[in-house]
Protein backbone atom coordinates (compact mmCIF):
# COMPACT_ATOMS: atom_id res chain seq x y z
CA MET A 1 89.20 97.29 121.26
CA THR A 2 91.70 95.49 119.01
CA LEU A 3 90.48 93.66 115.95
CA SER A 4 92.13 90.59 114.57
CA PRO A 5 94.02 91.30 111.34
CA PRO A 6 91.65 91.27 108.36
CA SER A 7 92.05 88.67 105.66
CA THR A 8 94.41 89.67 102.89
CA GLU A 9 92.36 87.75 100.34
CA ARG A 10 90.75 90.11 97.86
CA GLN A 11 87.52 89.66 95.96
CA CYS A 12 86.73 90.93 92.49
CA LEU A 13 83.92 93.49 92.77
CA THR A 14 81.98 95.51 90.22
CA GLY A 15 78.91 97.66 90.13
CA TRP A 16 75.67 96.39 88.61
CA GLY A 17 76.91 97.39 85.16
CA ARG A 18 79.75 94.85 85.48
CA THR A 19 82.38 97.27 84.24
CA GLN A 20 85.57 98.55 85.90
CA PRO A 21 86.30 95.59 88.20
CA ALA A 22 88.10 96.26 91.47
CA HIS A 23 89.91 93.90 93.82
CA ALA A 24 89.28 94.62 97.48
CA ARG A 25 89.00 92.91 100.84
CA VAL A 26 85.48 92.60 102.24
CA LEU A 27 85.28 93.41 105.96
CA ALA A 28 82.15 92.49 107.89
CA PRO A 29 81.98 94.01 111.39
CA GLN A 30 79.37 92.30 113.55
CA ASN A 31 78.31 95.31 115.61
CA THR A 32 78.85 99.04 116.07
CA ASN A 33 81.80 98.63 118.44
CA GLU A 34 83.67 96.51 115.90
CA LEU A 35 82.85 99.00 113.14
CA CYS A 36 84.10 101.96 115.20
CA ALA A 37 87.34 100.15 116.04
CA LEU A 38 87.84 99.18 112.39
CA ILE A 39 87.53 102.80 111.28
CA ARG A 40 89.80 104.15 114.02
CA GLN A 41 92.56 101.77 112.92
CA ALA A 42 92.10 102.45 109.21
CA ALA A 43 94.58 104.28 107.04
CA PRO A 44 93.54 107.17 104.80
CA ALA A 45 91.70 106.23 101.58
CA SER A 46 91.22 102.64 102.72
CA LEU A 47 87.48 102.03 103.25
CA ILE A 48 84.07 102.42 101.60
CA PRO A 49 80.75 100.91 102.72
CA ARG A 50 79.10 98.56 100.22
CA GLY A 51 75.52 97.32 100.22
CA LEU A 52 74.14 94.92 97.62
CA GLY A 53 76.22 96.22 94.73
CA ARG A 54 73.36 97.91 92.85
CA SER A 55 75.18 101.16 92.13
CA TYR A 56 75.80 100.77 88.41
CA GLY A 57 79.35 102.07 88.32
CA ASP A 58 82.28 102.36 90.74
CA ALA A 59 80.67 104.05 93.75
CA ALA A 60 80.81 101.08 96.17
CA GLN A 61 84.25 99.68 95.43
CA LEU A 62 87.84 100.65 96.23
CA ASP A 63 90.51 98.88 94.25
CA GLY A 64 93.42 97.66 96.35
CA ALA A 65 91.76 98.51 99.66
CA ALA A 66 88.64 97.32 101.53
CA VAL A 67 84.86 97.57 101.48
CA ILE A 68 82.62 97.29 104.54
CA ASP A 69 79.75 94.80 104.43
CA LEU A 70 76.99 95.69 106.90
CA GLY A 71 75.04 92.46 106.52
CA SER A 72 74.96 92.03 110.31
CA PHE A 73 73.24 95.39 110.76
CA ASP A 74 69.83 93.93 109.94
CA SER A 75 67.51 94.88 112.78
CA VAL A 76 64.00 96.21 112.08
CA ALA A 77 61.33 97.68 114.35
CA LEU A 78 57.95 98.91 113.13
CA ASP A 79 56.13 101.65 115.05
CA ALA A 80 52.69 101.25 113.48
CA PRO A 81 50.90 104.04 115.41
CA ALA A 82 53.55 106.53 114.25
CA ALA A 83 53.76 105.03 110.72
CA ARG A 84 57.52 104.82 111.15
CA VAL A 85 60.18 102.11 110.95
CA THR A 86 63.68 101.93 112.38
CA ALA A 87 66.04 99.52 110.63
CA GLY A 88 69.68 98.59 110.33
CA ALA A 89 71.51 100.03 107.36
CA GLY A 90 72.45 96.60 106.04
CA LEU A 91 68.83 95.49 105.69
CA SER A 92 67.48 95.47 102.15
CA LEU A 93 64.37 97.36 101.11
CA SER A 94 63.06 93.95 100.05
CA ASP A 95 63.29 92.67 103.62
CA ILE A 96 61.74 95.85 104.99
CA LEU A 97 58.81 95.49 102.57
CA ARG A 98 58.18 91.97 103.86
CA VAL A 99 57.70 93.45 107.32
CA ILE A 100 55.74 96.60 106.55
CA VAL A 101 53.41 95.63 103.68
CA PRO A 102 51.49 92.91 105.62
CA ALA A 103 51.16 95.47 108.43
CA GLY A 104 49.55 98.01 106.09
CA PHE A 105 52.45 100.27 105.12
CA PHE A 106 54.67 101.02 102.13
CA LEU A 107 58.02 102.70 101.62
CA PRO A 108 57.85 106.49 101.25
CA VAL A 109 60.06 106.18 98.16
CA THR A 110 61.30 103.11 96.30
CA PRO A 111 63.79 102.96 93.43
CA GLY A 112 63.38 100.58 90.52
CA THR A 113 64.79 97.67 92.51
CA ARG A 114 63.97 96.52 96.03
CA ASN A 115 67.40 94.86 96.25
CA VAL A 116 69.23 97.81 97.77
CA THR A 117 70.12 98.33 101.41
CA LEU A 118 68.65 101.05 103.57
CA GLY A 119 72.12 102.57 103.98
CA GLY A 120 72.59 102.58 100.23
CA ALA A 121 69.17 104.15 99.66
CA ILE A 122 70.13 107.07 101.90
CA ALA A 123 73.72 107.38 100.66
CA ALA A 124 72.41 107.64 97.08
CA ASP A 125 69.26 109.55 98.17
CA VAL A 126 67.24 107.35 95.84
CA HIS A 127 64.17 108.56 94.00
CA GLY A 128 61.14 106.79 92.58
CA LYS A 129 57.97 107.20 90.58
CA ASN A 130 56.55 109.68 93.13
CA HIS A 131 59.34 112.25 93.20
CA HIS A 132 57.19 114.89 91.51
CA GLY A 133 54.95 114.88 94.59
CA GLU A 134 56.89 113.39 97.51
CA GLY A 135 60.58 113.89 96.81
CA SER A 136 63.50 111.56 97.38
CA PHE A 137 64.11 109.05 100.17
CA ALA A 138 66.10 111.31 102.49
CA ARG A 139 63.18 113.73 102.76
CA HIS A 140 61.34 111.08 104.78
CA VAL A 141 64.20 110.15 107.14
CA HIS A 142 63.79 111.35 110.73
CA ASN A 143 67.26 110.47 111.97
CA LEU A 144 70.22 108.24 111.20
CA GLN A 145 73.21 106.84 113.03
CA LEU A 146 76.58 107.49 111.39
CA VAL A 147 80.07 106.32 112.30
CA ASP A 148 82.33 109.11 111.10
CA GLY A 149 85.95 109.03 109.95
CA GLY A 150 87.19 109.19 113.52
CA GLY A 151 85.27 106.08 114.46
CA GLU A 152 82.75 108.04 116.52
CA LEU A 153 79.02 107.30 116.43
CA ARG A 154 76.86 110.33 115.66
CA GLU A 155 73.09 110.80 115.46
CA LEU A 156 72.16 113.04 112.56
CA THR A 157 68.81 114.69 111.89
CA PRO A 158 67.67 116.74 108.88
CA THR A 159 66.43 119.65 111.01
CA GLY A 160 67.30 121.29 114.30
CA ASP A 161 70.94 122.03 115.13
CA PRO A 162 72.46 123.55 111.95
CA SER A 163 75.72 121.63 112.31
CA THR A 164 73.94 118.29 112.69
CA ALA A 165 71.53 119.07 109.84
CA ALA A 166 74.40 120.03 107.52
CA ALA A 167 76.11 116.71 108.30
CA PHE A 168 72.85 114.85 107.62
CA TRP A 169 72.38 116.45 104.21
CA ALA A 170 76.02 115.89 103.27
CA THR A 171 75.49 112.20 104.07
CA ALA A 172 72.20 111.94 102.14
CA GLY A 173 73.46 111.66 98.58
CA GLY A 174 77.09 111.61 99.76
CA MET A 175 77.72 108.11 98.35
CA GLY A 176 79.23 106.73 101.57
CA LEU A 177 82.07 109.25 101.66
CA THR A 178 81.10 110.98 104.92
CA GLY A 179 80.95 107.83 107.06
CA VAL A 180 79.09 104.58 107.56
CA ILE A 181 75.35 104.70 108.18
CA THR A 182 74.40 101.99 110.67
CA GLU A 183 70.69 102.65 111.30
CA ALA A 184 67.89 105.00 110.28
CA SER A 185 64.28 105.82 111.12
CA PHE A 186 61.90 106.95 108.41
CA SER A 187 58.20 107.54 107.74
CA LEU A 188 55.92 105.12 105.91
CA ILE A 189 52.86 105.41 103.68
CA PRO A 190 49.72 103.74 105.10
CA ILE A 191 48.08 101.40 102.58
CA GLU A 192 44.90 99.30 102.54
CA THR A 193 46.03 96.66 100.03
CA ALA A 194 49.20 95.30 98.47
CA LEU A 195 47.94 96.42 95.06
CA ILE A 196 48.32 99.48 92.85
CA SER A 197 45.46 100.93 90.82
CA VAL A 198 47.12 101.69 87.49
CA ASP A 199 46.13 103.80 84.50
CA THR A 200 48.01 103.02 81.28
CA ASP A 201 48.21 105.10 78.10
CA ARG A 202 50.10 104.40 74.91
CA HIS A 203 51.52 107.45 73.10
CA ARG A 204 52.61 107.54 69.49
CA ASP A 205 55.23 110.24 69.95
CA LEU A 206 57.41 111.81 72.62
CA ASP A 207 55.73 115.23 72.49
CA GLY A 208 52.35 113.77 73.41
CA LEU A 209 53.88 111.57 76.07
CA MET A 210 55.73 114.43 77.78
CA ALA A 211 52.69 116.72 77.63
CA ALA A 212 50.58 114.05 79.33
CA MET A 213 53.20 113.63 82.06
CA VAL A 214 53.22 117.34 82.84
CA GLU A 215 49.42 117.45 82.90
CA GLY A 216 49.27 114.50 85.28
CA ASP A 217 51.75 115.80 87.88
CA ALA A 218 49.01 116.99 90.22
CA HIS A 219 46.69 114.00 89.71
CA TYR A 220 48.84 110.90 90.26
CA ARG A 221 51.09 109.81 93.12
CA TYR A 222 53.15 107.52 90.87
CA SER A 223 54.10 108.22 87.26
CA VAL A 224 56.65 106.69 84.91
CA ALA A 225 57.06 106.33 81.16
CA TRP A 226 58.84 103.68 79.14
CA VAL A 227 60.21 105.13 75.90
CA ASP A 228 61.02 103.22 72.71
CA SER A 229 64.53 104.58 72.30
CA LEU A 230 64.91 103.19 68.76
CA HIS A 231 61.70 104.71 67.37
CA PRO A 232 62.26 108.04 65.56
CA ALA A 233 59.12 109.59 67.07
CA GLY A 234 59.98 108.43 70.59
CA ARG A 235 56.74 106.58 71.18
CA GLY A 236 56.14 105.28 74.68
CA VAL A 237 53.89 103.87 77.36
CA LEU A 238 52.84 105.95 80.36
CA THR A 239 51.77 104.20 83.57
CA ARG A 240 50.39 106.13 86.53
CA GLY A 241 48.61 105.15 89.68
CA ASP A 242 48.22 105.00 93.44
CA HIS A 243 47.72 102.40 96.15
CA ALA A 244 44.44 100.54 95.66
CA SER A 245 41.74 100.65 98.31
CA ARG A 246 39.97 97.69 99.89
CA GLU A 247 36.84 98.78 98.09
CA GLY A 248 38.68 98.63 94.78
CA LEU A 249 39.80 95.09 95.53
CA ARG A 250 36.29 94.03 96.51
CA ALA A 251 34.89 95.59 93.33
CA ALA A 252 37.36 93.56 91.25
CA GLY A 253 35.87 90.36 92.67
CA GLY A 254 37.90 87.30 93.66
CA SER A 255 41.67 87.24 93.95
CA VAL A 256 44.00 89.76 92.27
CA ALA A 257 47.74 88.99 92.18
CA GLY A 258 47.44 86.87 95.31
CA CYS A 259 45.39 89.44 97.23
CA ARG A 260 41.85 88.58 98.30
CA PRO A 261 39.25 90.77 100.03
CA GLU A 262 39.87 88.80 103.22
CA ALA A 263 43.68 89.06 102.82
CA PRO A 264 44.26 92.37 101.04
CA LEU A 265 47.85 92.83 102.22
CA ALA A 266 49.29 89.52 101.00
CA TYR A 267 52.82 90.12 99.77
CA ASP A 268 55.32 87.49 98.65
CA PRO A 269 57.34 88.59 95.58
CA LYS A 270 59.74 86.16 93.96
CA ALA A 271 62.22 86.12 91.11
CA LEU A 272 60.52 84.08 88.40
CA ALA A 273 63.56 83.48 86.19
CA ALA A 274 67.31 83.87 86.06
CA ALA A 275 69.60 85.12 83.33
CA PRO A 276 72.18 82.58 82.09
CA PRO A 277 75.49 82.91 83.96
CA PHE A 278 77.52 83.44 80.78
CA LEU A 279 76.50 85.05 77.52
CA PRO A 280 79.51 85.47 75.22
CA GLY A 281 78.24 88.47 73.28
CA GLY A 282 75.18 89.40 75.30
CA LEU A 283 71.61 89.17 74.11
CA LEU A 284 71.15 92.84 73.34
CA ASN A 285 71.79 94.26 69.91
CA GLY A 286 69.88 96.48 67.53
CA PHE A 287 67.82 93.60 66.18
CA THR A 288 66.78 92.04 69.51
CA VAL A 289 66.08 95.38 71.18
CA ARG A 290 64.01 96.59 68.23
CA ALA A 291 61.95 93.39 68.39
CA PHE A 292 61.53 93.69 72.16
CA ASN A 293 60.52 97.35 71.96
CA GLU A 294 57.95 96.62 69.26
CA ALA A 295 56.43 93.81 71.30
CA TRP A 296 56.44 95.84 74.52
CA TYR A 297 54.75 98.80 72.86
CA ARG A 298 52.08 96.67 71.16
CA LYS A 299 51.45 94.72 74.37
CA ALA A 300 50.43 97.87 76.24
CA PRO A 301 46.79 98.97 75.99
CA LYS A 302 46.05 102.21 74.19
CA HIS A 303 44.08 103.34 77.23
CA ARG A 304 43.20 101.44 80.38
CA VAL A 305 42.00 102.78 83.72
CA GLY A 306 42.07 101.25 87.18
CA GLU A 307 43.89 97.99 86.47
CA LEU A 308 44.97 96.37 89.74
CA GLN A 309 48.63 95.33 89.75
CA ALA A 310 50.79 93.81 92.47
CA ILE A 311 53.49 95.95 94.05
CA ALA A 312 56.41 93.98 92.59
CA PRO A 313 55.59 94.21 88.85
CA PHE A 314 54.60 97.87 89.13
CA PHE A 315 57.62 99.11 91.10
CA HIS A 316 60.30 96.45 90.57
CA PRO A 317 59.63 94.63 87.28
CA LEU A 318 63.25 93.68 86.60
CA ASP A 319 63.60 92.06 90.03
CA GLY A 320 61.52 89.26 88.54
CA VAL A 321 64.66 88.15 86.65
CA SER A 322 67.65 87.31 88.83
CA ASP A 323 70.99 88.68 87.60
CA TRP A 324 69.37 90.36 84.61
CA ASN A 325 72.53 92.43 84.14
CA ARG A 326 74.15 89.34 82.57
CA ILE A 327 72.14 89.79 79.37
CA TYR A 328 74.64 92.46 78.30
CA GLY A 329 77.45 89.93 78.18
CA PRO A 330 80.93 90.16 79.74
CA ALA A 331 81.56 93.73 78.52
CA GLY A 332 78.73 94.93 80.75
CA PHE A 333 76.59 98.03 80.35
CA LEU A 334 76.24 101.54 81.61
CA GLN A 335 73.29 103.72 82.42
CA TYR A 336 73.15 107.31 81.28
CA GLN A 337 70.81 109.20 83.61
CA PHE A 338 70.51 112.95 83.78
CA ALA A 339 68.21 115.48 85.39
CA VAL A 340 67.48 118.77 83.65
CA PRO A 341 65.05 121.63 84.33
CA ASP A 342 61.82 121.99 82.38
CA THR A 343 63.47 124.68 80.27
CA ALA A 344 65.81 122.02 78.87
CA ALA A 345 63.16 119.44 77.98
CA GLU A 346 64.58 119.28 74.44
CA LEU A 347 67.52 117.29 75.81
CA VAL A 348 65.23 114.27 76.15
CA PRO A 349 64.65 113.77 72.38
CA LEU A 350 68.16 115.00 71.63
CA THR A 351 69.68 112.29 73.85
CA LEU A 352 67.55 109.57 72.30
CA ALA A 353 68.60 110.72 68.84
CA ALA A 354 72.28 110.70 69.84
CA LEU A 355 72.01 107.12 71.14
CA ARG A 356 70.29 106.01 67.93
CA LYS A 357 72.99 107.68 65.85
CA VAL A 358 75.79 105.63 67.44
CA GLY A 359 73.71 102.44 67.41
CA ALA A 360 73.34 102.12 71.19
CA PRO A 361 70.28 99.90 71.73
CA SER A 362 68.31 100.39 74.95
CA PHE A 363 65.32 98.27 75.90
CA LEU A 364 65.17 99.97 79.30
CA THR A 365 64.66 103.70 78.72
CA VAL A 366 62.72 105.42 81.46
CA LEU A 367 61.40 108.96 81.69
CA LYS A 368 60.14 110.53 84.91
CA ARG A 369 59.17 113.88 86.35
CA PHE A 370 61.05 115.42 89.27
CA GLY A 371 59.74 117.82 91.87
CA PRO A 372 61.78 119.96 94.28
CA GLY A 373 65.11 118.59 95.46
CA THR A 374 66.48 118.35 99.00
CA PRO A 375 69.08 120.48 100.81
CA GLY A 376 71.69 117.79 100.04
CA PRO A 377 74.62 119.28 98.08
CA LEU A 378 75.15 116.02 96.16
CA SER A 379 71.53 114.89 95.98
CA PHE A 380 70.66 114.26 92.35
CA PRO A 381 67.00 115.24 91.76
CA GLN A 382 65.96 118.75 90.77
CA PRO A 383 62.65 120.00 89.35
CA GLY A 384 62.11 118.96 85.75
CA TRP A 385 62.89 115.80 83.80
CA THR A 386 65.03 112.75 84.30
CA LEU A 387 65.84 110.28 81.53
CA ALA A 388 67.66 106.98 82.13
CA ALA A 389 68.88 104.67 79.38
CA ASP A 390 70.77 101.38 79.80
CA VAL A 391 73.11 100.67 76.90
CA PRO A 392 75.84 98.07 76.22
CA ALA A 393 79.20 99.47 77.28
CA ALA A 394 81.06 98.20 74.20
CA VAL A 395 79.14 100.25 71.59
CA ARG A 396 81.64 101.99 69.35
CA GLY A 397 81.52 105.77 69.68
CA LEU A 398 79.34 105.66 72.80
CA ARG A 399 81.79 107.37 75.13
CA GLU A 400 82.35 110.27 72.76
CA ALA A 401 78.60 110.69 72.25
CA LEU A 402 77.98 110.76 75.99
CA ASP A 403 80.80 113.24 76.55
CA ALA A 404 79.10 115.57 74.08
CA LEU A 405 75.76 115.08 75.82
CA ASP A 406 77.40 115.85 79.18
CA GLU A 407 78.36 119.27 77.86
CA GLN A 408 74.79 120.05 76.92
CA VAL A 409 73.39 118.72 80.21
CA ALA A 410 75.81 120.88 82.21
CA ALA A 411 75.13 123.95 80.06
CA ALA A 412 71.40 123.52 80.70
CA GLY A 413 71.88 123.42 84.48
CA GLY A 414 71.48 119.64 84.69
CA ARG A 415 73.51 116.85 86.28
CA LEU A 416 74.21 113.11 86.19
CA TYR A 417 73.23 110.61 88.90
CA LEU A 418 76.27 109.46 90.87
CA ALA A 419 74.66 106.12 91.78
CA LYS A 420 74.37 105.27 88.08
CA ASP A 421 77.46 107.00 86.74
CA SER A 422 80.54 105.10 85.60
CA ARG A 423 82.27 107.54 83.23
CA GLN A 424 81.65 111.26 83.78
CA SER A 425 84.71 113.49 84.27
CA ALA A 426 85.78 115.47 87.33
CA SER A 427 85.16 118.71 85.43
CA MET A 428 81.60 117.60 84.61
CA LEU A 429 80.92 117.00 88.30
CA GLN A 430 82.29 120.42 89.23
CA ARG A 431 80.16 122.15 86.61
CA SER A 432 76.93 120.31 87.35
CA TYR A 433 76.99 120.18 91.16
CA PRO A 434 77.51 123.84 92.10
CA ARG A 435 77.48 123.07 95.85
CA LEU A 436 80.33 120.56 95.62
CA ALA A 437 82.69 122.73 97.71
CA GLU A 438 80.05 122.97 100.43
CA TRP A 439 79.79 119.18 100.50
CA GLN A 440 83.57 118.83 100.65
CA GLN A 441 83.69 121.10 103.70
CA GLN A 442 81.20 118.87 105.51
CA ARG A 443 83.03 115.73 104.38
CA ASP A 444 86.28 117.14 105.76
CA ARG A 445 84.58 117.86 109.08
CA LEU A 446 83.13 114.34 109.32
CA ASP A 447 86.19 112.55 107.94
CA PRO A 448 89.25 114.81 108.34
CA ARG A 449 91.67 111.92 107.64
CA HIS A 450 89.78 110.97 104.45
CA VAL A 451 89.48 107.35 105.53
CA PHE A 452 86.50 106.89 103.23
CA CYS A 453 87.21 106.72 99.54
CA SER A 454 85.93 104.91 96.45
CA ASP A 455 86.89 104.38 92.86
CA LEU A 456 84.20 106.93 91.98
CA ALA A 457 85.76 109.48 94.36
CA ARG A 458 89.18 108.87 92.80
CA ARG A 459 87.81 109.24 89.27
CA LEU A 460 86.00 112.47 90.14
CA ALA A 461 88.92 113.90 92.13
CA ILE A 462 86.95 114.23 95.37
CA ALA A 463 88.92 111.59 97.30
């Protein structure tokens, strides 16, 4: 099959942090045959798949080359008796939720935004508020279809034939560098309502907050803490919960977030606002973030049990504001997210103190617990803690402070999340992902010509 020459017109692309712009052609194959032909004809280091652009840094862009848009790979089929769905890799989690929630199911794992594609969720092996009990997304995938660097379609499974399983786990967390995922089947969580029963507790200091999170690991399916990054004591708000039952909805009486006893699975989330398209200096500085954090902390109840919340505000609160990344202004922002073992819990307060010292304001600072990781050599989660902080990219001294923190994270046996990273060094990756060589062997087997590349792969010297 011969494809018509692709357009030479390049688009300016960035990650969600709006830093490090790249200029690349966007190719949109309409089916698997076109995709296979495109890859067979590709030169080395010329392609990377790109979903909805929610990787924060440079993982889904390739300056001077081309990205693959899988928007046409949008099929979805629900197998309700098996509690399983099969969907195209270009379909967003948002679109999948609109199919499965009214049918009485929920995603096995969801990140903090529903605006990511299924292929991106697997390539980044995303995690959510339930990792301490149910792991990352790839753990729930039964099989996936992958077009490798030779343009051949493969079916990969996480178990069974060792060669196939090794390729699967290199792809899960492999950031699109082993091939292009076209479709996947994964398990779902049965639910009775489109509501979450939420317990909320306000903590005056970080020590109390972290102790409560450890104590609650075995008692809650979902757990997440917002931390006031500018407060010296590290105060925060802990929210934990599980899917609400029909009985819980009936006991609440009337309608809750659009759900009624006679329509408990109603689900129709919408963006309620939009950030202005241009903010010269951004809205976030020490003054505005301090005011926001104070209001957010005071708004939370000291202790509340069993509040019924809709799925969207509990799991995806920032999706309620379209293009919220614009509030950081044209310089953009970066997210610093690490995972460290329980033995290195002191890195949580140490990191917050380092960000305060350089004046890096963060209104979105999230702390979660991680359970066991997966067999994926580049999968991010490991048992212990993960802290994520969004900060304006232009803060003076920020890069140097984060470089110093990297050293301590690596020394403690921790790592940074590739889907959020925009600035770690190649040496940091080598130190913090000890199975990198194993992943590279699988990548070379799946893509011996190294057709797939990205700006992230170039920066980290794994291209």
